Amino acid sequence: MIAPPLSNLEGLMSLDDFDDAEGGSKLERFSRETLDPSLSWKDVEWLKSITSLPILLKGIVTAEDARKAVEAGAAGLIVSNHGARQLDYAPATISALEEVVKAVAGAVPVLVDGGVRRGTDVLKALALGAKAVMVGRPVFFGLAARGEAGARHVIEMLNKELELAMALCGCRSVAEVTRAHVQTEGDRIRALL
């Protein structure tokens, strides 16, 4: 299956179009003009000062950033990246999840966003400590295919697959899903040592 083109990046992805005055590509220029390099952890404090809403920080993939986010006052963290679509070598969210969960030691809830395609992916994320998962692309594909009914169908399908996976693990509820229900690549390597 080929993902639909991302119209917000249309015209920016040409690698041979280096017409930028500084010698970069259109995508590089777009990034320079769109992303703010001055952002810092102090901006979390500023956000907290202008709203009473909880601040959840998205894009956390390391223990160090997780601890800094909690220190800065984040009410929750979202383990997320721009992986396969934009950064080929970013860690998979499921691989980064457990490190982030351990780093915050229950101080704030940790959610995960990215790579969830099946109910078994939801089960793995819950077992590794996520309080919830966020699902984007599959729901949007359902929406594109069949409108609201398609989006609803994708969510129902994920729920049914999660229920089946939990039953196969002997779990009657999400609360019964534990770390013992998954084996990661790291677990397999440690077992060989």
N, C-alpha and C. Protein backbone atom coordinates (compact mmCIF):
# COMPACT_ATOMS: atom_id res chain seq x y z
N MET A 1 0.83 -1.17 0.00
CA MET A 1 0.00 0.00 0.00
C MET A 1 0.89 1.24 0.00
N ILE A 2 0.59 2.16 -0.85
CA ILE A 2 1.34 3.42 -0.93
C ILE A 2 0.54 4.49 -0.20
N ALA A 3 1.20 5.20 0.72
CA ALA A 3 0.54 6.26 1.46
C ALA A 3 0.17 7.39 0.52
N PRO A 4 -0.95 8.06 0.80
CA PRO A 4 -1.32 9.20 -0.05
C PRO A 4 -0.28 10.30 0.07
N PRO A 5 -0.11 11.11 -0.98
CA PRO A 5 0.87 12.20 -0.91
C PRO A 5 0.49 13.20 0.16
N LEU A 6 1.48 13.78 0.80
CA LEU A 6 1.24 14.78 1.83
C LEU A 6 1.27 16.15 1.17
N SER A 7 0.09 16.70 0.91
CA SER A 7 0.02 17.94 0.13
C SER A 7 0.71 19.11 0.83
N ASN A 8 0.85 19.05 2.17
CA ASN A 8 1.53 20.15 2.85
C ASN A 8 3.02 20.18 2.54
N LEU A 9 3.58 19.09 2.00
CA LEU A 9 4.99 19.04 1.63
C LEU A 9 5.18 19.03 0.11
N GLU A 10 4.08 19.16 -0.62
CA GLU A 10 4.14 19.14 -2.08
C GLU A 10 5.08 20.23 -2.59
N GLY A 11 5.94 19.88 -3.49
CA GLY A 11 6.87 20.84 -4.07
C GLY A 11 8.12 21.08 -3.24
N LEU A 12 8.20 20.44 -2.08
CA LEU A 12 9.35 20.66 -1.20
C LEU A 12 10.31 19.48 -1.18
N MET A 13 9.92 18.36 -1.75
CA MET A 13 10.68 17.13 -1.59
C MET A 13 11.69 16.86 -2.69
N SER A 14 11.82 17.72 -3.67
CA SER A 14 12.76 17.49 -4.76
C SER A 14 14.19 17.64 -4.27
N LEU A 15 14.98 16.60 -4.41
CA LEU A 15 16.36 16.63 -3.95
C LEU A 15 17.27 17.35 -4.93
N ASP A 16 16.83 17.47 -6.18
CA ASP A 16 17.70 18.12 -7.17
C ASP A 16 17.34 19.60 -7.37
N ASP A 17 16.44 20.11 -6.58
CA ASP A 17 16.03 21.51 -6.71
C ASP A 17 16.67 22.35 -5.62
N PHE A 18 17.90 22.77 -5.85
CA PHE A 18 18.65 23.55 -4.87
C PHE A 18 18.65 25.01 -5.29
N ASP A 19 17.46 25.63 -5.26
CA ASP A 19 17.37 27.01 -5.70
C ASP A 19 17.41 28.00 -4.54
N ASP A 20 17.58 27.50 -3.34
CA ASP A 20 17.66 28.37 -2.17
C ASP A 20 18.93 29.21 -2.24
N ALA A 21 18.84 30.48 -1.83
CA ALA A 21 19.99 31.40 -1.89
C ALA A 21 21.17 30.89 -1.06
N GLU A 22 20.87 30.09 -0.03
CA GLU A 22 21.94 29.56 0.82
C GLU A 22 22.42 28.20 0.34
N GLY A 23 21.96 27.75 -0.82
CA GLY A 23 22.44 26.51 -1.40
C GLY A 23 21.72 25.27 -0.93
N GLY A 24 20.62 25.41 -0.22
CA GLY A 24 19.89 24.25 0.28
C GLY A 24 18.69 23.92 -0.57
N SER A 25 18.00 22.86 -0.22
CA SER A 25 16.80 22.46 -0.94
C SER A 25 15.60 23.27 -0.45
N LYS A 26 14.50 23.14 -1.16
CA LYS A 26 13.27 23.81 -0.73
C LYS A 26 12.82 23.28 0.63
N LEU A 27 12.98 21.97 0.85
CA LEU A 27 12.59 21.39 2.13
C LEU A 27 13.45 21.95 3.26
N GLU A 28 14.74 22.11 3.01
CA GLU A 28 15.62 22.68 4.02
C GLU A 28 15.19 24.11 4.35
N ARG A 29 14.89 24.90 3.33
CA ARG A 29 14.45 26.28 3.54
C ARG A 29 13.13 26.30 4.32
N PHE A 30 12.21 25.42 3.95
CA PHE A 30 10.92 25.32 4.65
C PHE A 30 11.15 25.03 6.13
N SER A 31 12.05 24.09 6.43
CA SER A 31 12.35 23.74 7.82
C SER A 31 12.94 24.93 8.57
N ARG A 32 13.87 25.63 7.94
CA ARG A 32 14.49 26.81 8.58
C ARG A 32 13.44 27.87 8.91
N GLU A 33 12.49 28.05 8.00
CA GLU A 33 11.49 29.10 8.18
C GLU A 33 10.37 28.69 9.12
N THR A 34 10.16 27.39 9.30
CA THR A 34 9.03 26.90 10.08
C THR A 34 9.40 26.53 11.51
N LEU A 35 10.56 25.92 11.69
CA LEU A 35 10.96 25.44 13.02
C LEU A 35 11.70 26.53 13.78
N ASP A 36 11.41 26.64 15.06
CA ASP A 36 12.02 27.67 15.90
C ASP A 36 13.16 27.06 16.70
N PRO A 37 14.41 27.35 16.34
CA PRO A 37 15.55 26.77 17.05
C PRO A 37 15.74 27.32 18.46
N SER A 38 15.02 28.38 18.81
CA SER A 38 15.19 28.97 20.14
C SER A 38 14.33 28.29 21.20
N LEU A 39 13.47 27.35 20.81
CA LEU A 39 12.63 26.67 21.80
C LEU A 39 13.49 26.00 22.85
N SER A 40 13.04 26.09 24.11
CA SER A 40 13.78 25.47 25.20
C SER A 40 12.80 24.98 26.25
N TRP A 41 13.33 24.34 27.27
CA TRP A 41 12.49 23.83 28.36
C TRP A 41 11.78 24.97 29.08
N LYS A 42 12.33 26.17 29.04
CA LYS A 42 11.69 27.33 29.69
C LYS A 42 10.35 27.66 29.03
N ASP A 43 10.18 27.26 27.78
CA ASP A 43 8.92 27.52 27.10
C ASP A 43 7.77 26.74 27.73
N VAL A 44 8.07 25.62 28.37
CA VAL A 44 7.03 24.87 29.07
C VAL A 44 6.51 25.72 30.23
N GLU A 45 7.41 26.35 30.96
CA GLU A 45 7.01 27.24 32.06
C GLU A 45 6.12 28.37 31.53
N TRP A 46 6.50 28.95 30.39
CA TRP A 46 5.70 30.02 29.80
C TRP A 46 4.31 29.51 29.42
N LEU A 47 4.23 28.33 28.78
CA LEU A 47 2.94 27.76 28.43
C LEU A 47 2.07 27.57 29.66
N LYS A 48 2.68 27.06 30.73
CA LYS A 48 1.93 26.84 31.97
C LYS A 48 1.41 28.16 32.54
N SER A 49 2.14 29.25 32.29
CA SER A 49 1.74 30.55 32.85
C SER A 49 0.55 31.17 32.12
N ILE A 50 0.26 30.71 30.91
CA ILE A 50 -0.82 31.32 30.13
C ILE A 50 -2.07 30.44 30.02
N THR A 51 -2.05 29.27 30.65
CA THR A 51 -3.22 28.39 30.59
C THR A 51 -3.33 27.56 31.87
N SER A 52 -4.54 27.17 32.16
CA SER A 52 -4.75 26.25 33.28
C SER A 52 -4.86 24.81 32.78
N LEU A 53 -4.79 24.65 31.47
CA LEU A 53 -4.86 23.30 30.88
C LEU A 53 -3.57 22.54 31.16
N PRO A 54 -3.65 21.22 31.27
CA PRO A 54 -2.41 20.44 31.45
C PRO A 54 -1.57 20.48 30.18
N ILE A 55 -0.27 20.54 30.34
CA ILE A 55 0.66 20.57 29.21
C ILE A 55 1.24 19.18 29.03
N LEU A 56 0.97 18.56 27.88
CA LEU A 56 1.57 17.28 27.52
C LEU A 56 2.62 17.56 26.46
N LEU A 57 3.81 17.01 26.65
CA LEU A 57 4.89 17.23 25.69
C LEU A 57 5.02 16.01 24.79
N LYS A 58 5.02 16.26 23.48
CA LYS A 58 5.10 15.21 22.48
C LYS A 58 6.48 15.22 21.85
N GLY A 59 6.97 14.03 21.49
CA GLY A 59 8.27 13.93 20.83
C GLY A 59 9.36 13.49 21.78
N ILE A 60 8.99 12.99 22.94
CA ILE A 60 9.96 12.53 23.93
C ILE A 60 10.36 11.10 23.59
N VAL A 61 11.67 10.85 23.42
CA VAL A 61 12.14 9.49 23.10
C VAL A 61 13.33 9.05 23.94
N THR A 62 13.77 9.87 24.89
CA THR A 62 14.91 9.48 25.74
C THR A 62 14.58 9.71 27.20
N ALA A 63 15.27 8.99 28.06
CA ALA A 63 15.10 9.15 29.51
C ALA A 63 15.48 10.57 29.92
N GLU A 64 16.55 11.08 29.35
CA GLU A 64 17.02 12.43 29.70
C GLU A 64 15.94 13.48 29.41
N ASP A 65 15.36 13.44 28.23
CA ASP A 65 14.30 14.40 27.89
C ASP A 65 13.06 14.18 28.75
N ALA A 66 12.76 12.93 29.08
CA ALA A 66 11.61 12.64 29.93
C ALA A 66 11.78 13.29 31.30
N ARG A 67 12.96 13.14 31.89
CA ARG A 67 13.21 13.75 33.20
C ARG A 67 13.15 15.28 33.11
N LYS A 68 13.74 15.85 32.06
CA LYS A 68 13.72 17.30 31.88
C LYS A 68 12.28 17.80 31.72
N ALA A 69 11.47 17.06 30.99
CA ALA A 69 10.08 17.45 30.77
C ALA A 69 9.31 17.48 32.08
N VAL A 70 9.52 16.48 32.91
CA VAL A 70 8.85 16.44 34.22
C VAL A 70 9.33 17.60 35.08
N GLU A 71 10.64 17.84 35.10
CA GLU A 71 11.20 18.96 35.87
C GLU A 71 10.64 20.30 35.38
N ALA A 72 10.38 20.41 34.09
CA ALA A 72 9.85 21.65 33.52
C ALA A 72 8.36 21.83 33.81
N GLY A 73 7.72 20.78 34.32
CA GLY A 73 6.32 20.89 34.70
C GLY A 73 5.31 20.25 33.77
N ALA A 74 5.76 19.40 32.87
CA ALA A 74 4.81 18.72 31.98
C ALA A 74 3.87 17.84 32.80
N ALA A 75 2.60 17.84 32.42
CA ALA A 75 1.60 17.01 33.10
C ALA A 75 1.57 15.60 32.53
N GLY A 76 2.18 15.40 31.39
CA GLY A 76 2.22 14.10 30.74
C GLY A 76 3.16 14.14 29.56
N LEU A 77 3.56 12.95 29.11
CA LEU A 77 4.50 12.84 27.99
C LEU A 77 3.90 11.98 26.90
N ILE A 78 4.26 12.31 25.67
CA ILE A 78 3.85 11.49 24.52
C ILE A 78 5.12 11.05 23.81
N VAL A 79 5.38 9.74 23.86
CA VAL A 79 6.53 9.18 23.15
C VAL A 79 6.15 9.17 21.68
N SER A 80 6.91 9.89 20.88
CA SER A 80 6.57 10.09 19.48
C SER A 80 7.81 10.48 18.71
N ASN A 81 7.80 10.23 17.42
CA ASN A 81 8.91 10.64 16.56
C ASN A 81 8.37 10.97 15.18
N HIS A 82 9.27 11.26 14.29
CA HIS A 82 8.87 11.48 12.91
C HIS A 82 9.44 10.39 12.02
N GLY A 83 9.76 9.27 12.63
CA GLY A 83 10.35 8.10 12.03
C GLY A 83 10.25 7.92 10.53
N ALA A 84 9.67 6.82 10.12
CA ALA A 84 9.71 6.36 8.74
C ALA A 84 9.34 7.42 7.73
N ARG A 85 8.49 8.33 8.10
CA ARG A 85 8.04 9.34 7.14
C ARG A 85 9.09 10.42 6.93
N GLN A 86 9.85 10.78 7.99
CA GLN A 86 10.75 11.92 7.84
C GLN A 86 12.16 11.68 8.35
N LEU A 87 12.34 10.85 9.34
CA LEU A 87 13.68 10.57 9.87
C LEU A 87 13.90 9.06 9.87
N ASP A 88 14.64 8.58 8.90
CA ASP A 88 14.82 7.15 8.75
C ASP A 88 15.45 6.46 9.95
N TYR A 89 16.25 7.20 10.72
CA TYR A 89 16.99 6.54 11.79
C TYR A 89 16.53 6.93 13.18
N ALA A 90 15.37 7.53 13.31
CA ALA A 90 14.81 7.83 14.63
C ALA A 90 14.39 6.51 15.27
N PRO A 91 14.52 6.40 16.60
CA PRO A 91 14.11 5.15 17.24
C PRO A 91 12.59 4.96 17.11
N ALA A 92 12.19 3.72 16.95
CA ALA A 92 10.76 3.42 16.91
C ALA A 92 10.16 3.78 18.26
N THR A 93 8.95 4.29 18.26
CA THR A 93 8.34 4.71 19.52
C THR A 93 8.21 3.54 20.49
N ILE A 94 7.89 2.37 20.00
CA ILE A 94 7.74 1.21 20.89
C ILE A 94 9.08 0.86 21.53
N SER A 95 10.19 1.11 20.83
CA SER A 95 11.52 0.84 21.38
C SER A 95 11.92 1.87 22.42
N ALA A 96 11.44 3.10 22.28
CA ALA A 96 11.79 4.17 23.23
C ALA A 96 10.87 4.21 24.44
N LEU A 97 9.71 3.61 24.33
CA LEU A 97 8.67 3.73 25.35
C LEU A 97 9.11 3.33 26.74
N GLU A 98 9.67 2.13 26.88
CA GLU A 98 9.99 1.63 28.22
C GLU A 98 11.03 2.50 28.92
N GLU A 99 12.01 3.00 28.18
CA GLU A 99 13.03 3.88 28.77
C GLU A 99 12.39 5.15 29.34
N VAL A 100 11.46 5.72 28.60
CA VAL A 100 10.77 6.94 29.05
C VAL A 100 9.91 6.63 30.28
N VAL A 101 9.17 5.54 30.24
CA VAL A 101 8.32 5.15 31.37
C VAL A 101 9.15 4.97 32.64
N LYS A 102 10.27 4.27 32.52
CA LYS A 102 11.13 4.06 33.69
C LYS A 102 11.70 5.38 34.20
N ALA A 103 12.05 6.28 33.31
CA ALA A 103 12.65 7.55 33.71
C ALA A 103 11.70 8.41 34.54
N VAL A 104 10.42 8.39 34.22
CA VAL A 104 9.47 9.23 34.96
C VAL A 104 8.92 8.54 36.20
N ALA A 105 9.11 7.24 36.30
CA ALA A 105 8.75 6.46 37.50
C ALA A 105 7.35 6.80 38.03
N GLY A 106 6.39 6.92 37.14
CA GLY A 106 5.01 7.16 37.56
C GLY A 106 4.68 8.61 37.89
N ALA A 107 5.62 9.53 37.75
CA ALA A 107 5.37 10.94 38.09
C ALA A 107 4.30 11.56 37.19
N VAL A 108 4.28 11.16 35.93
CA VAL A 108 3.28 11.67 34.98
C VAL A 108 2.88 10.51 34.06
N PRO A 109 1.68 10.57 33.48
CA PRO A 109 1.30 9.52 32.53
C PRO A 109 2.11 9.63 31.24
N VAL A 110 2.38 8.47 30.65
CA VAL A 110 3.12 8.41 29.38
C VAL A 110 2.20 7.77 28.34
N LEU A 111 2.02 8.46 27.23
CA LEU A 111 1.25 7.95 26.10
C LEU A 111 2.23 7.66 24.98
N VAL A 112 1.80 6.88 24.01
CA VAL A 112 2.67 6.59 22.87
C VAL A 112 1.91 6.87 21.58
N ASP A 113 2.61 7.43 20.61
CA ASP A 113 2.01 7.78 19.33
C ASP A 113 2.95 7.34 18.22
N GLY A 114 2.45 6.51 17.35
CA GLY A 114 3.26 6.08 16.21
C GLY A 114 3.39 4.58 16.12
N GLY A 115 3.14 4.05 14.95
CA GLY A 115 3.36 2.64 14.70
C GLY A 115 2.23 1.73 15.15
N VAL A 116 1.15 2.26 15.68
CA VAL A 116 0.04 1.41 16.13
C VAL A 116 -0.83 1.09 14.92
N ARG A 117 -0.82 -0.16 14.54
CA ARG A 117 -1.60 -0.61 13.38
C ARG A 117 -2.56 -1.74 13.72
N ARG A 118 -2.29 -2.45 14.83
CA ARG A 118 -3.10 -3.61 15.23
C ARG A 118 -3.36 -3.56 16.74
N GLY A 119 -4.33 -4.34 17.17
CA GLY A 119 -4.61 -4.43 18.60
C GLY A 119 -3.43 -4.99 19.38
N THR A 120 -2.63 -5.85 18.76
CA THR A 120 -1.44 -6.37 19.45
C THR A 120 -0.43 -5.25 19.69
N ASP A 121 -0.39 -4.24 18.83
CA ASP A 121 0.49 -3.09 19.07
C ASP A 121 0.04 -2.33 20.31
N VAL A 122 -1.27 -2.21 20.49
CA VAL A 122 -1.81 -1.55 21.68
C VAL A 122 -1.42 -2.35 22.92
N LEU A 123 -1.58 -3.67 22.87
CA LEU A 123 -1.21 -4.53 24.00
C LEU A 123 0.26 -4.36 24.36
N LYS A 124 1.13 -4.36 23.37
CA LYS A 124 2.57 -4.20 23.63
C LYS A 124 2.84 -2.87 24.31
N ALA A 125 2.23 -1.81 23.82
CA ALA A 125 2.45 -0.48 24.41
C ALA A 125 1.98 -0.43 25.85
N LEU A 126 0.82 -1.01 26.12
CA LEU A 126 0.32 -1.04 27.49
C LEU A 126 1.25 -1.85 28.39
N ALA A 127 1.73 -2.98 27.89
CA ALA A 127 2.63 -3.83 28.67
C ALA A 127 3.94 -3.13 28.98
N LEU A 128 4.38 -2.26 28.09
CA LEU A 128 5.64 -1.54 28.30
C LEU A 128 5.45 -0.24 29.09
N GLY A 129 4.22 0.00 29.54
CA GLY A 129 3.99 1.10 30.47
C GLY A 129 3.18 2.28 29.97
N ALA A 130 2.75 2.27 28.72
CA ALA A 130 1.93 3.39 28.23
C ALA A 130 0.57 3.37 28.93
N LYS A 131 0.08 4.54 29.26
CA LYS A 131 -1.27 4.66 29.84
C LYS A 131 -2.32 4.67 28.74
N ALA A 132 -1.90 5.04 27.53
CA ALA A 132 -2.81 5.08 26.39
C ALA A 132 -1.98 5.14 25.11
N VAL A 133 -2.63 4.84 24.00
CA VAL A 133 -1.98 4.96 22.70
C VAL A 133 -2.76 5.97 21.87
N MET A 134 -2.04 6.62 20.98
CA MET A 134 -2.67 7.55 20.05
C MET A 134 -2.58 6.91 18.67
N VAL A 135 -3.66 7.01 17.92
CA VAL A 135 -3.71 6.38 16.60
C VAL A 135 -4.12 7.45 15.59
N GLY A 136 -3.30 7.66 14.58
CA GLY A 136 -3.61 8.68 13.60
C GLY A 136 -3.85 8.13 12.22
N ARG A 137 -2.79 7.66 11.59
CA ARG A 137 -2.85 7.29 10.18
C ARG A 137 -3.93 6.24 9.88
N PRO A 138 -4.04 5.13 10.64
CA PRO A 138 -5.09 4.17 10.30
C PRO A 138 -6.50 4.78 10.34
N VAL A 139 -6.74 5.64 11.32
CA VAL A 139 -8.05 6.28 11.42
C VAL A 139 -8.29 7.21 10.23
N PHE A 140 -7.25 7.96 9.85
CA PHE A 140 -7.40 8.85 8.69
C PHE A 140 -7.61 8.06 7.40
N PHE A 141 -6.96 6.91 7.26
CA PHE A 141 -7.18 6.08 6.08
C PHE A 141 -8.62 5.57 6.07
N GLY A 142 -9.13 5.16 7.24
CA GLY A 142 -10.53 4.74 7.33
C GLY A 142 -11.47 5.87 6.97
N LEU A 143 -11.15 7.06 7.45
CA LEU A 143 -11.95 8.24 7.16
C LEU A 143 -11.94 8.54 5.66
N ALA A 144 -10.76 8.45 5.05
CA ALA A 144 -10.64 8.72 3.61
C ALA A 144 -11.41 7.68 2.79
N ALA A 145 -11.43 6.44 3.26
CA ALA A 145 -12.07 5.37 2.50
C ALA A 145 -13.60 5.39 2.64
N ARG A 146 -14.09 5.61 3.88
CA ARG A 146 -15.53 5.47 4.11
C ARG A 146 -16.11 6.54 5.03
N GLY A 147 -15.43 7.66 5.14
CA GLY A 147 -15.96 8.74 5.98
C GLY A 147 -15.96 8.36 7.45
N GLU A 148 -16.90 8.94 8.18
CA GLU A 148 -16.99 8.68 9.62
C GLU A 148 -17.13 7.20 9.92
N ALA A 149 -17.91 6.49 9.11
CA ALA A 149 -18.11 5.05 9.32
C ALA A 149 -16.78 4.30 9.20
N GLY A 150 -15.93 4.73 8.28
CA GLY A 150 -14.62 4.10 8.11
C GLY A 150 -13.72 4.34 9.30
N ALA A 151 -13.72 5.57 9.81
CA ALA A 151 -12.92 5.89 10.99
C ALA A 151 -13.40 5.07 12.18
N ARG A 152 -14.71 5.02 12.36
CA ARG A 152 -15.30 4.25 13.46
C ARG A 152 -14.93 2.76 13.33
N HIS A 153 -14.98 2.26 12.10
CA HIS A 153 -14.66 0.85 11.85
C HIS A 153 -13.21 0.54 12.26
N VAL A 154 -12.28 1.41 11.94
CA VAL A 154 -10.87 1.20 12.30
C VAL A 154 -10.73 1.14 13.82
N ILE A 155 -11.38 2.05 14.52
CA ILE A 155 -11.28 2.07 15.99
C ILE A 155 -11.90 0.81 16.58
N GLU A 156 -13.05 0.40 16.07
CA GLU A 156 -13.70 -0.82 16.55
C GLU A 156 -12.83 -2.05 16.27
N MET A 157 -12.20 -2.07 15.10
CA MET A 157 -11.32 -3.18 14.75
C MET A 157 -10.14 -3.27 15.71
N LEU A 158 -9.51 -2.13 16.02
CA LEU A 158 -8.40 -2.11 16.98
C LEU A 158 -8.87 -2.60 18.34
N ASN A 159 -10.05 -2.18 18.76
CA ASN A 159 -10.58 -2.59 20.05
C ASN A 159 -10.81 -4.10 20.10
N LYS A 160 -11.41 -4.66 19.04
CA LYS A 160 -11.66 -6.10 18.99
C LYS A 160 -10.34 -6.88 18.99
N GLU A 161 -9.37 -6.40 18.23
CA GLU A 161 -8.06 -7.07 18.19
C GLU A 161 -7.37 -7.00 19.55
N LEU A 162 -7.50 -5.87 20.24
CA LEU A 162 -6.93 -5.75 21.59
C LEU A 162 -7.60 -6.72 22.54
N GLU A 163 -8.92 -6.80 22.49
CA GLU A 163 -9.64 -7.73 23.36
C GLU A 163 -9.21 -9.17 23.10
N LEU A 164 -9.04 -9.55 21.83
CA LEU A 164 -8.60 -10.90 21.50
C LEU A 164 -7.18 -11.14 22.02
N ALA A 165 -6.28 -10.19 21.79
CA ALA A 165 -4.90 -10.33 22.26
C ALA A 165 -4.85 -10.46 23.78
N MET A 166 -5.66 -9.66 24.48
CA MET A 166 -5.71 -9.75 25.94
C MET A 166 -6.22 -11.12 26.38
N ALA A 167 -7.26 -11.61 25.72
CA ALA A 167 -7.80 -12.93 26.07
C ALA A 167 -6.75 -14.02 25.86
N LEU A 168 -6.00 -13.92 24.76
CA LEU A 168 -4.95 -14.92 24.49
C LEU A 168 -3.83 -14.85 25.53
N CYS A 169 -3.67 -13.68 26.16
CA CYS A 169 -2.66 -13.52 27.23
C CYS A 169 -3.24 -13.83 28.60
N GLY A 170 -4.53 -14.15 28.66
CA GLY A 170 -5.16 -14.44 29.94
C GLY A 170 -5.55 -13.20 30.73
N CYS A 171 -5.66 -12.07 30.06
CA CYS A 171 -6.00 -10.81 30.73
C CYS A 171 -7.48 -10.49 30.52
N ARG A 172 -8.20 -10.27 31.63
CA ARG A 172 -9.62 -9.93 31.53
C ARG A 172 -9.84 -8.43 31.40
N SER A 173 -8.82 -7.65 31.75
CA SER A 173 -8.94 -6.19 31.66
C SER A 173 -7.57 -5.60 31.35
N VAL A 174 -7.57 -4.34 30.93
CA VAL A 174 -6.31 -3.65 30.64
C VAL A 174 -5.43 -3.61 31.89
N ALA A 175 -6.05 -3.51 33.05
CA ALA A 175 -5.29 -3.45 34.31
C ALA A 175 -4.46 -4.72 34.54
N GLU A 176 -4.84 -5.82 33.92
CA GLU A 176 -4.11 -7.08 34.09
C GLU A 176 -2.95 -7.23 33.11
N VAL A 177 -2.81 -6.33 32.16
CA VAL A 177 -1.70 -6.39 31.20
C VAL A 177 -0.44 -5.91 31.91
N THR A 178 0.61 -6.74 31.89
CA THR A 178 1.86 -6.39 32.58
C THR A 178 3.05 -6.56 31.65
N ARG A 179 4.19 -6.15 32.15
CA ARG A 179 5.45 -6.26 31.40
C ARG A 179 5.74 -7.71 31.04
N ALA A 180 5.26 -8.63 31.83
CA ALA A 180 5.50 -10.06 31.58
C ALA A 180 4.83 -10.54 30.29
N HIS A 181 3.94 -9.76 29.73
CA HIS A 181 3.22 -10.18 28.53
C HIS A 181 3.94 -9.89 27.22
N VAL A 182 5.11 -9.26 27.29
CA VAL A 182 5.87 -8.99 26.07
C VAL A 182 7.34 -9.35 26.27
N GLN A 183 7.97 -9.68 25.18
CA GLN A 183 9.42 -9.89 25.19
C GLN A 183 9.99 -8.99 24.09
N THR A 184 10.89 -8.10 24.50
CA THR A 184 11.49 -7.18 23.54
C THR A 184 12.79 -7.76 23.00
N GLU A 185 13.32 -7.10 21.98
CA GLU A 185 14.61 -7.51 21.43
C GLU A 185 15.68 -7.41 22.51
N GLY A 186 15.60 -6.38 23.34
CA GLY A 186 16.55 -6.23 24.45
C GLY A 186 16.48 -7.40 25.41
N ASP A 187 15.28 -7.88 25.69
CA ASP A 187 15.11 -9.05 26.56
C ASP A 187 15.81 -10.26 25.94
N ARG A 188 15.64 -10.44 24.64
CA ARG A 188 16.24 -11.60 23.97
C ARG A 188 17.77 -11.52 24.01
N ILE A 189 18.31 -10.32 23.82
CA ILE A 189 19.77 -10.16 23.86
C ILE A 189 20.29 -10.42 25.26
N ARG A 190 19.61 -9.84 26.27
CA ARG A 190 20.05 -10.06 27.67
C ARG A 190 20.00 -11.54 28.04
N ALA A 191 19.04 -12.27 27.50
CA ALA A 191 18.91 -13.69 27.80
C ALA A 191 20.09 -14.49 27.25
N LEU A 192 20.72 -13.98 26.19
CA LEU A 192 21.86 -14.68 25.59
C LEU A 192 23.16 -14.43 26.34
N LEU A 193 23.21 -13.38 27.14
CA LEU A 193 24.45 -13.02 27.85
C LEU A 193 24.68 -13.87 29.07
